[in-house]
């Protein structure tokens, strides 16, 4: 959960380009996560939605 912080989400809302890059990295990393699959799936859904919402900056 430390990966999705208020500061990162604020940067996403403020359209900081590096923030979307960080979300994409998290998105890719969570796809291959084997441990804690339920938790990873929940984060993956959240991050996927954010990437989709903000991908066309």
N, C-alpha and C. Protein backbone atom coordinates (compact mmCIF):
# COMPACT_ATOMS: atom_id res chain seq x y z
N UNK A 1 0.82 -1.19 0.00
CA UNK A 1 0.00 0.00 0.00
C UNK A 1 0.87 1.26 0.00
N UNK A 2 2.11 1.15 0.39
CA UNK A 2 2.99 2.32 0.35
C UNK A 2 3.20 2.81 -1.08
N UNK A 3 2.92 1.95 -2.04
CA UNK A 3 3.12 2.33 -3.43
C UNK A 3 2.09 3.35 -3.90
N UNK A 4 0.88 3.25 -3.38
CA UNK A 4 -0.19 4.17 -3.75
C UNK A 4 -0.36 5.16 -2.60
N UNK A 5 0.36 6.25 -2.67
CA UNK A 5 0.33 7.24 -1.61
C UNK A 5 -0.49 8.45 -2.04
N UNK A 6 -0.86 9.25 -1.08
CA UNK A 6 -1.60 10.47 -1.38
C UNK A 6 -0.78 11.37 -2.30
N UNK A 7 0.51 11.45 -2.06
CA UNK A 7 1.34 12.33 -2.90
C UNK A 7 1.36 11.85 -4.35
N UNK A 8 1.43 10.56 -4.58
CA UNK A 8 1.39 10.04 -5.96
C UNK A 8 0.04 10.34 -6.59
N UNK A 9 -1.04 10.11 -5.86
CA UNK A 9 -2.36 10.38 -6.42
C UNK A 9 -2.57 11.87 -6.68
N UNK A 10 -2.01 12.73 -5.83
CA UNK A 10 -2.06 14.17 -6.07
C UNK A 10 -1.31 14.53 -7.35
N UNK A 11 -0.16 13.91 -7.54
CA UNK A 11 0.63 14.16 -8.75
C UNK A 11 -0.12 13.69 -9.99
N UNK A 12 -0.83 12.58 -9.89
CA UNK A 12 -1.63 12.09 -11.02
C UNK A 12 -2.72 13.11 -11.35
N UNK A 13 -3.43 13.57 -10.34
CA UNK A 13 -4.48 14.58 -10.56
C UNK A 13 -3.92 15.87 -11.13
N UNK A 14 -2.69 16.22 -10.71
CA UNK A 14 -2.04 17.44 -11.21
C UNK A 14 -1.36 17.21 -12.56
N UNK A 15 -1.48 16.00 -13.07
CA UNK A 15 -0.95 15.63 -14.38
C UNK A 15 0.57 15.76 -14.49
N UNK A 16 1.25 15.34 -13.45
CA UNK A 16 2.72 15.28 -13.46
C UNK A 16 3.10 14.06 -14.30
N UNK A 17 3.82 14.26 -15.42
CA UNK A 17 4.12 13.14 -16.32
C UNK A 17 4.80 11.94 -15.64
N UNK A 18 5.70 12.18 -14.73
CA UNK A 18 6.40 11.08 -14.06
C UNK A 18 5.45 10.23 -13.23
N UNK A 19 4.36 10.81 -12.76
CA UNK A 19 3.40 10.05 -11.95
C UNK A 19 2.74 8.95 -12.76
N UNK A 20 2.36 9.25 -13.99
CA UNK A 20 1.75 8.22 -14.84
C UNK A 20 2.77 7.13 -15.17
N UNK A 21 4.01 7.51 -15.37
CA UNK A 21 5.07 6.52 -15.61
C UNK A 21 5.20 5.58 -14.41
N UNK A 22 5.13 6.15 -13.21
CA UNK A 22 5.21 5.31 -11.99
C UNK A 22 4.02 4.38 -11.91
N UNK A 23 2.83 4.88 -12.26
CA UNK A 23 1.64 4.01 -12.24
C UNK A 23 1.78 2.87 -13.24
N UNK A 24 2.31 3.17 -14.40
CA UNK A 24 2.50 2.12 -15.41
C UNK A 24 3.48 1.06 -14.93
N UNK A 25 4.54 1.49 -14.26
CA UNK A 25 5.50 0.54 -13.70
C UNK A 25 4.83 -0.36 -12.66
N UNK A 26 4.01 0.24 -11.80
CA UNK A 26 3.28 -0.53 -10.80
C UNK A 26 2.31 -1.50 -11.47
N UNK A 27 1.64 -1.03 -12.50
CA UNK A 27 0.69 -1.85 -13.24
C UNK A 27 1.38 -3.11 -13.77
N UNK A 28 2.52 -2.93 -14.39
CA UNK A 28 3.26 -4.08 -14.94
C UNK A 28 3.78 -5.01 -13.84
N UNK A 29 4.26 -4.43 -12.76
CA UNK A 29 4.77 -5.23 -11.66
C UNK A 29 3.70 -6.07 -10.99
N UNK A 30 2.50 -5.52 -10.86
CA UNK A 30 1.42 -6.25 -10.19
C UNK A 30 0.90 -7.41 -11.03
N UNK A 31 1.03 -7.33 -12.33
CA UNK A 31 0.57 -8.43 -13.20
C UNK A 31 1.27 -9.73 -12.86
N UNK A 32 2.55 -9.62 -12.52
CA UNK A 32 3.37 -10.81 -12.28
C UNK A 32 3.48 -11.17 -10.81
N UNK A 33 2.85 -10.42 -9.94
CA UNK A 33 2.90 -10.67 -8.49
C UNK A 33 2.22 -12.00 -8.17
N UNK A 34 2.93 -12.89 -7.50
CA UNK A 34 2.37 -14.20 -7.15
C UNK A 34 1.89 -14.25 -5.70
N UNK A 35 2.63 -13.63 -4.81
CA UNK A 35 2.24 -13.64 -3.40
C UNK A 35 1.17 -12.58 -3.15
N UNK A 36 0.24 -12.87 -2.27
CA UNK A 36 -0.80 -11.91 -1.94
C UNK A 36 -1.64 -11.54 -3.15
N UNK A 37 -2.04 -12.55 -3.90
CA UNK A 37 -2.71 -12.32 -5.17
C UNK A 37 -3.99 -11.48 -5.02
N UNK A 38 -4.78 -11.69 -3.98
CA UNK A 38 -6.01 -10.91 -3.81
C UNK A 38 -5.69 -9.43 -3.62
N UNK A 39 -4.69 -9.15 -2.82
CA UNK A 39 -4.28 -7.77 -2.59
C UNK A 39 -3.72 -7.16 -3.87
N UNK A 40 -2.90 -7.93 -4.58
CA UNK A 40 -2.34 -7.45 -5.83
C UNK A 40 -3.44 -7.18 -6.85
N UNK A 41 -4.45 -8.04 -6.91
CA UNK A 41 -5.56 -7.83 -7.85
C UNK A 41 -6.32 -6.55 -7.54
N UNK A 42 -6.51 -6.25 -6.26
CA UNK A 42 -7.22 -5.03 -5.88
C UNK A 42 -6.41 -3.79 -6.28
N UNK A 43 -5.12 -3.82 -6.02
CA UNK A 43 -4.27 -2.70 -6.42
C UNK A 43 -4.19 -2.59 -7.93
N UNK A 44 -4.11 -3.72 -8.60
CA UNK A 44 -4.05 -3.74 -10.06
C UNK A 44 -5.30 -3.08 -10.66
N UNK A 45 -6.46 -3.36 -10.09
CA UNK A 45 -7.70 -2.76 -10.58
C UNK A 45 -7.68 -1.24 -10.38
N UNK A 46 -7.25 -0.79 -9.20
CA UNK A 46 -7.19 0.64 -8.92
C UNK A 46 -6.22 1.33 -9.87
N UNK A 47 -5.02 0.78 -9.98
CA UNK A 47 -4.00 1.39 -10.83
C UNK A 47 -4.42 1.35 -12.29
N UNK A 48 -5.00 0.25 -12.71
CA UNK A 48 -5.48 0.14 -14.10
C UNK A 48 -6.49 1.22 -14.42
N UNK A 49 -7.39 1.49 -13.49
CA UNK A 49 -8.38 2.55 -13.70
C UNK A 49 -7.72 3.92 -13.80
N UNK A 50 -6.76 4.18 -12.94
CA UNK A 50 -6.06 5.46 -12.98
C UNK A 50 -5.29 5.64 -14.28
N UNK A 51 -4.60 4.59 -14.70
CA UNK A 51 -3.85 4.65 -15.96
C UNK A 51 -4.82 4.92 -17.11
N UNK A 52 -5.93 4.23 -17.13
CA UNK A 52 -6.93 4.42 -18.19
C UNK A 52 -7.49 5.85 -18.17
N UNK A 53 -7.80 6.35 -16.99
CA UNK A 53 -8.37 7.69 -16.87
C UNK A 53 -7.42 8.79 -17.29
N UNK A 54 -6.13 8.62 -17.03
CA UNK A 54 -5.16 9.69 -17.25
C UNK A 54 -4.18 9.42 -18.39
N UNK A 55 -4.39 8.39 -19.17
CA UNK A 55 -3.41 8.02 -20.20
C UNK A 55 -3.29 9.03 -21.32
N UNK A 56 -4.30 9.83 -21.57
CA UNK A 56 -4.29 10.77 -22.68
C UNK A 56 -3.99 12.20 -22.25
N UNK A 57 -2.99 12.39 -21.40
CA UNK A 57 -2.64 13.73 -20.93
C UNK A 57 -2.18 14.56 -22.07
